[in-house]
N, C-alpha and C. Protein backbone atom coordinates (compact mmCIF):
# COMPACT_ATOMS: atom_id res chain seq x y z
N MET A 1 143.81 5.55 101.30
CA MET A 1 142.75 4.88 102.02
C MET A 1 143.26 4.55 103.43
N ARG A 2 142.46 4.86 104.41
CA ARG A 2 142.85 4.59 105.80
C ARG A 2 142.61 3.13 106.15
N ALA A 3 143.45 2.60 107.01
CA ALA A 3 143.35 1.21 107.44
C ALA A 3 142.06 0.95 108.21
N THR A 4 141.49 1.98 108.79
CA THR A 4 140.28 1.79 109.59
C THR A 4 139.00 1.86 108.76
N GLN A 5 139.12 2.17 107.48
CA GLN A 5 137.94 2.28 106.63
C GLN A 5 137.28 0.91 106.47
N GLU A 6 135.97 0.87 106.64
CA GLU A 6 135.25 -0.38 106.52
C GLU A 6 134.64 -0.50 105.13
N PHE A 7 134.58 -1.72 104.65
CA PHE A 7 133.98 -1.98 103.35
C PHE A 7 132.73 -2.83 103.55
N LYS A 8 131.70 -2.50 102.81
CA LYS A 8 130.49 -3.32 102.83
C LYS A 8 130.66 -4.40 101.77
N VAL A 9 130.40 -5.60 102.16
CA VAL A 9 130.51 -6.73 101.23
C VAL A 9 129.12 -6.97 100.64
N ALA A 10 129.05 -6.92 99.31
CA ALA A 10 127.78 -7.17 98.63
C ALA A 10 127.45 -8.65 98.68
N LYS A 11 126.20 -8.94 98.92
CA LYS A 11 125.75 -10.33 98.95
C LYS A 11 125.47 -10.79 97.53
N ARG A 12 125.78 -12.03 97.25
CA ARG A 12 125.58 -12.58 95.90
C ARG A 12 124.10 -12.71 95.58
N PHE A 13 123.28 -13.12 96.54
CA PHE A 13 121.86 -13.26 96.33
C PHE A 13 121.11 -12.39 97.32
N SER A 14 119.93 -12.01 96.95
CA SER A 14 119.09 -11.20 97.81
C SER A 14 118.61 -12.03 99.00
N GLU A 15 118.32 -11.36 100.09
CA GLU A 15 117.78 -12.05 101.26
C GLU A 15 116.29 -12.33 101.05
N LYS A 16 115.71 -11.65 100.10
CA LYS A 16 114.30 -11.88 99.78
C LYS A 16 114.22 -13.07 98.83
N GLN A 17 113.08 -13.22 98.19
CA GLN A 17 112.90 -14.32 97.24
C GLN A 17 113.92 -14.22 96.11
N LYS A 18 114.60 -15.33 95.84
CA LYS A 18 115.57 -15.36 94.76
C LYS A 18 114.83 -15.34 93.43
N ARG A 19 115.44 -14.68 92.43
CA ARG A 19 114.81 -14.53 91.11
C ARG A 19 115.70 -15.12 90.04
N ALA A 20 115.09 -15.79 89.08
CA ALA A 20 115.84 -16.34 87.95
C ALA A 20 115.14 -15.95 86.66
N TYR A 21 115.93 -15.46 85.70
CA TYR A 21 115.46 -15.22 84.34
C TYR A 21 115.97 -16.38 83.50
N VAL A 22 115.07 -17.05 82.79
CA VAL A 22 115.40 -18.25 82.04
C VAL A 22 115.02 -18.05 80.58
N ASP A 23 115.99 -18.21 79.69
CA ASP A 23 115.72 -18.15 78.26
C ASP A 23 114.90 -19.37 77.87
N VAL A 24 114.19 -19.29 76.75
CA VAL A 24 113.35 -20.40 76.31
C VAL A 24 114.07 -21.24 75.26
N ASP A 25 114.34 -20.65 74.10
CA ASP A 25 114.91 -21.40 72.98
C ASP A 25 116.36 -21.77 73.23
N GLU A 26 116.67 -23.03 72.97
CA GLU A 26 118.00 -23.60 73.17
C GLU A 26 118.38 -23.69 74.66
N THR A 27 117.38 -23.57 75.53
CA THR A 27 117.58 -23.76 76.97
C THR A 27 116.61 -24.82 77.48
N ILE A 28 115.31 -24.60 77.26
CA ILE A 28 114.33 -25.61 77.68
C ILE A 28 113.66 -26.27 76.47
N CYS A 29 113.98 -25.81 75.27
CA CYS A 29 113.48 -26.46 74.06
C CYS A 29 114.54 -26.32 72.97
N PHE A 30 114.49 -27.26 72.04
CA PHE A 30 115.50 -27.31 70.99
C PHE A 30 114.84 -27.60 69.65
N TYR A 31 115.59 -27.43 68.58
CA TYR A 31 115.10 -27.62 67.22
C TYR A 31 115.98 -28.64 66.51
N SER A 32 115.34 -29.57 65.79
CA SER A 32 116.12 -30.57 65.08
C SER A 32 116.59 -30.05 63.72
N ASP A 33 115.87 -29.11 63.14
CA ASP A 33 116.24 -28.61 61.82
C ASP A 33 115.92 -27.13 61.70
N ILE A 34 114.70 -26.84 61.32
CA ILE A 34 114.27 -25.46 61.11
C ILE A 34 113.87 -24.85 62.45
N ARG A 35 114.34 -23.63 62.68
CA ARG A 35 113.98 -22.96 63.94
C ARG A 35 112.64 -22.26 63.77
N ARG A 36 111.59 -23.06 63.90
CA ARG A 36 110.22 -22.56 63.92
C ARG A 36 109.67 -22.90 65.29
N TYR A 37 109.09 -21.91 65.94
CA TYR A 37 108.65 -22.10 67.32
C TYR A 37 107.64 -23.23 67.48
N ASP A 38 106.81 -23.46 66.45
CA ASP A 38 105.84 -24.54 66.55
C ASP A 38 106.50 -25.92 66.41
N LEU A 39 107.77 -25.96 66.02
CA LEU A 39 108.51 -27.23 65.90
C LEU A 39 109.45 -27.46 67.08
N ALA A 40 109.41 -26.58 68.05
CA ALA A 40 110.31 -26.71 69.21
C ALA A 40 109.99 -27.98 69.97
N LYS A 41 111.05 -28.69 70.36
CA LYS A 41 110.93 -29.92 71.14
C LYS A 41 111.34 -29.63 72.57
N PRO A 42 110.42 -29.80 73.53
CA PRO A 42 110.77 -29.51 74.93
C PRO A 42 111.82 -30.47 75.46
N ASP A 43 112.70 -29.96 76.29
CA ASP A 43 113.69 -30.79 76.99
C ASP A 43 113.20 -30.90 78.43
N TYR A 44 112.53 -32.01 78.74
CA TYR A 44 111.90 -32.15 80.04
C TYR A 44 112.90 -32.24 81.18
N LYS A 45 114.11 -32.66 80.90
CA LYS A 45 115.15 -32.68 81.93
C LYS A 45 115.48 -31.24 82.35
N ASN A 46 115.63 -30.36 81.37
CA ASN A 46 115.92 -28.96 81.68
C ASN A 46 114.72 -28.25 82.30
N ILE A 47 113.53 -28.56 81.81
CA ILE A 47 112.32 -27.98 82.40
C ILE A 47 112.22 -28.39 83.86
N SER A 48 112.56 -29.64 84.16
CA SER A 48 112.52 -30.13 85.54
C SER A 48 113.49 -29.35 86.43
N LYS A 49 114.65 -29.01 85.90
CA LYS A 49 115.62 -28.22 86.68
C LYS A 49 115.03 -26.87 87.07
N ILE A 50 114.36 -26.23 86.13
CA ILE A 50 113.76 -24.92 86.41
C ILE A 50 112.57 -25.09 87.35
N ASN A 51 111.76 -26.12 87.13
CA ASN A 51 110.63 -26.38 88.03
C ASN A 51 111.10 -26.64 89.45
N ASN A 52 112.26 -27.27 89.61
CA ASN A 52 112.82 -27.50 90.95
C ASN A 52 113.17 -26.18 91.62
N LEU A 53 113.70 -25.23 90.86
CA LEU A 53 113.98 -23.90 91.43
C LEU A 53 112.66 -23.27 91.89
N TYR A 54 111.64 -23.35 91.05
CA TYR A 54 110.32 -22.83 91.39
C TYR A 54 109.82 -23.47 92.68
N ASN A 55 109.93 -24.78 92.76
CA ASN A 55 109.47 -25.52 93.95
C ASN A 55 110.27 -25.14 95.19
N ASP A 56 111.53 -24.72 95.00
CA ASP A 56 112.37 -24.28 96.11
C ASP A 56 112.12 -22.83 96.51
N GLY A 57 111.13 -22.19 95.87
CA GLY A 57 110.75 -20.84 96.26
C GLY A 57 111.30 -19.72 95.40
N TRP A 58 111.98 -20.05 94.32
CA TRP A 58 112.51 -19.02 93.42
C TRP A 58 111.37 -18.40 92.60
N HIS A 59 111.51 -17.12 92.27
CA HIS A 59 110.60 -16.43 91.35
C HIS A 59 111.16 -16.66 89.95
N ILE A 60 110.42 -17.36 89.09
CA ILE A 60 110.90 -17.73 87.76
C ILE A 60 110.26 -16.84 86.71
N THR A 61 111.12 -16.21 85.89
CA THR A 61 110.67 -15.43 84.75
C THR A 61 111.26 -16.06 83.50
N TYR A 62 110.40 -16.53 82.61
CA TYR A 62 110.89 -16.97 81.30
C TYR A 62 111.05 -15.73 80.45
N TRP A 63 112.16 -15.70 79.71
CA TRP A 63 112.64 -14.48 79.06
C TRP A 63 113.07 -14.86 77.66
N THR A 64 112.29 -14.43 76.64
CA THR A 64 112.59 -14.82 75.27
C THR A 64 112.50 -13.63 74.32
N ALA A 65 113.36 -13.66 73.32
CA ALA A 65 113.36 -12.61 72.29
C ALA A 65 112.41 -12.93 71.14
N ARG A 66 111.64 -13.98 71.27
CA ARG A 66 110.71 -14.36 70.20
C ARG A 66 109.90 -13.15 69.74
N GLY A 67 109.98 -12.85 68.46
CA GLY A 67 109.23 -11.73 67.88
C GLY A 67 109.93 -10.39 67.91
N SER A 68 111.09 -10.30 68.55
CA SER A 68 111.74 -8.99 68.65
C SER A 68 112.23 -8.49 67.29
N SER A 69 112.60 -9.39 66.39
CA SER A 69 113.04 -8.99 65.05
C SER A 69 111.86 -8.91 64.08
N SER A 70 110.97 -9.89 64.15
CA SER A 70 109.85 -9.96 63.20
C SER A 70 108.69 -9.05 63.58
N LYS A 71 108.67 -8.61 64.82
CA LYS A 71 107.57 -7.79 65.38
C LYS A 71 106.26 -8.57 65.48
N ILE A 72 106.34 -9.90 65.44
CA ILE A 72 105.17 -10.76 65.65
C ILE A 72 105.02 -10.98 67.15
N ASP A 73 103.80 -10.90 67.65
CA ASP A 73 103.55 -11.09 69.07
C ASP A 73 103.39 -12.58 69.37
N TYR A 74 104.40 -13.16 70.01
CA TYR A 74 104.39 -14.58 70.35
C TYR A 74 104.03 -14.84 71.81
N ARG A 75 103.52 -13.84 72.51
CA ARG A 75 103.25 -13.99 73.94
C ARG A 75 102.24 -15.12 74.22
N ASP A 76 101.07 -15.08 73.61
CA ASP A 76 100.06 -16.11 73.88
C ASP A 76 100.55 -17.49 73.45
N PHE A 77 101.18 -17.56 72.27
CA PHE A 77 101.69 -18.84 71.77
C PHE A 77 102.72 -19.42 72.75
N THR A 78 103.66 -18.59 73.18
CA THR A 78 104.73 -19.05 74.07
C THR A 78 104.16 -19.43 75.44
N ASN A 79 103.23 -18.64 75.93
CA ASN A 79 102.60 -18.94 77.22
C ASN A 79 101.91 -20.31 77.18
N LYS A 80 101.16 -20.58 76.12
CA LYS A 80 100.48 -21.87 75.97
C LYS A 80 101.50 -23.00 75.82
N GLN A 81 102.58 -22.73 75.09
CA GLN A 81 103.62 -23.73 74.92
C GLN A 81 104.25 -24.10 76.27
N LEU A 82 104.61 -23.09 77.04
CA LEU A 82 105.22 -23.34 78.35
C LEU A 82 104.27 -24.11 79.26
N GLU A 83 103.03 -23.70 79.29
CA GLU A 83 102.04 -24.40 80.12
C GLU A 83 101.86 -25.84 79.65
N GLY A 84 101.83 -26.06 78.33
CA GLY A 84 101.69 -27.40 77.77
C GLY A 84 102.86 -28.30 78.11
N TRP A 85 104.03 -27.72 78.26
CA TRP A 85 105.23 -28.48 78.61
C TRP A 85 105.36 -28.69 80.12
N GLY A 86 104.45 -28.11 80.89
CA GLY A 86 104.49 -28.28 82.34
C GLY A 86 105.46 -27.35 83.04
N CYS A 87 105.80 -26.24 82.40
CA CYS A 87 106.74 -25.27 83.00
C CYS A 87 106.04 -24.50 84.12
N LYS A 88 106.72 -24.38 85.25
CA LYS A 88 106.23 -23.59 86.37
C LYS A 88 106.95 -22.24 86.32
N PHE A 89 106.18 -21.17 86.36
CA PHE A 89 106.80 -19.85 86.30
C PHE A 89 105.83 -18.79 86.80
N HIS A 90 106.38 -17.62 87.08
CA HIS A 90 105.59 -16.51 87.58
C HIS A 90 105.33 -15.45 86.51
N LYS A 91 106.28 -15.30 85.58
CA LYS A 91 106.20 -14.21 84.62
C LYS A 91 106.81 -14.65 83.30
N LEU A 92 106.33 -14.04 82.21
CA LEU A 92 106.87 -14.30 80.88
C LEU A 92 107.19 -12.95 80.22
N ILE A 93 108.41 -12.80 79.76
CA ILE A 93 108.84 -11.61 79.02
C ILE A 93 109.11 -12.06 77.58
N VAL A 94 108.47 -11.39 76.62
CA VAL A 94 108.54 -11.81 75.22
C VAL A 94 108.89 -10.64 74.32
N GLY A 95 109.69 -10.92 73.28
CA GLY A 95 109.92 -9.96 72.21
C GLY A 95 110.78 -8.79 72.59
N GLU A 96 110.31 -7.61 72.24
CA GLU A 96 111.11 -6.40 72.42
C GLU A 96 111.43 -6.10 73.88
N GLU A 97 110.64 -6.64 74.80
CA GLU A 97 110.95 -6.45 76.21
C GLU A 97 112.32 -7.03 76.54
N LYS A 98 112.69 -8.12 75.87
CA LYS A 98 114.02 -8.71 76.07
C LYS A 98 115.02 -8.11 75.11
N GLY A 99 114.60 -7.97 73.87
CA GLY A 99 115.51 -7.48 72.84
C GLY A 99 116.24 -8.65 72.20
N CYS A 100 116.80 -8.39 71.06
CA CYS A 100 117.51 -9.41 70.30
C CYS A 100 119.01 -9.18 70.52
N VAL A 101 119.63 -10.03 71.29
CA VAL A 101 121.06 -9.89 71.60
C VAL A 101 121.79 -11.18 71.27
N ASP A 102 123.08 -11.08 71.11
CA ASP A 102 123.90 -12.24 70.81
C ASP A 102 124.67 -12.75 72.01
N LEU A 103 124.78 -11.95 73.05
CA LEU A 103 125.56 -12.35 74.22
C LEU A 103 125.05 -11.62 75.44
N ILE A 104 124.83 -12.37 76.51
CA ILE A 104 124.47 -11.79 77.81
C ILE A 104 125.70 -11.95 78.71
N ILE A 105 126.14 -10.88 79.30
CA ILE A 105 127.27 -10.94 80.23
C ILE A 105 126.77 -10.48 81.58
N ASP A 106 126.95 -11.35 82.57
CA ASP A 106 126.44 -11.05 83.90
C ASP A 106 127.22 -11.88 84.91
N ASP A 107 127.48 -11.33 86.08
CA ASP A 107 128.26 -12.06 87.08
C ASP A 107 127.50 -13.25 87.66
N LYS A 108 126.20 -13.30 87.47
CA LYS A 108 125.41 -14.40 88.01
C LYS A 108 124.92 -15.35 86.92
N ALA A 109 125.42 -15.21 85.70
CA ALA A 109 124.98 -16.05 84.59
C ALA A 109 125.33 -17.51 84.81
N LYS A 110 124.44 -18.38 84.40
CA LYS A 110 124.64 -19.82 84.55
C LYS A 110 123.99 -20.50 83.37
N ARG A 111 124.66 -21.44 82.79
CA ARG A 111 124.09 -22.23 81.70
C ARG A 111 123.22 -23.33 82.29
N ILE A 112 122.21 -23.76 81.55
CA ILE A 112 121.30 -24.80 82.05
C ILE A 112 122.06 -26.06 82.42
N GLU A 113 123.15 -26.37 81.73
CA GLU A 113 123.94 -27.57 82.02
C GLU A 113 124.61 -27.50 83.39
N GLU A 114 124.72 -26.30 83.94
CA GLU A 114 125.37 -26.15 85.24
C GLU A 114 124.41 -26.33 86.41
N LEU A 115 123.12 -26.45 86.12
CA LEU A 115 122.13 -26.65 87.20
C LEU A 115 122.00 -28.13 87.53
């Protein structure tokens, strides 16, 4: 490699509108016993953190695997749940669109506790 070769430095965030994908279960809602979506308890502190990103101009996509294993369509149910909890968002991805995974690895990953 020559000493005069220039390197382009990748920017961590886009210069356009910043985008966040936010999981639903165990991020903005939790379960005391049985993991049934109709028993989910919203965590308004965490919802507020995401709403603050929305208010700051971020594009918010809620991203959940609900129904990816059972093949049940939870889109309308989840959309109504999010709206009922006062969640601000632009898009909702549900079920097979997300897929059922055990670990997400990404250089920009952040846990809700870090916001």
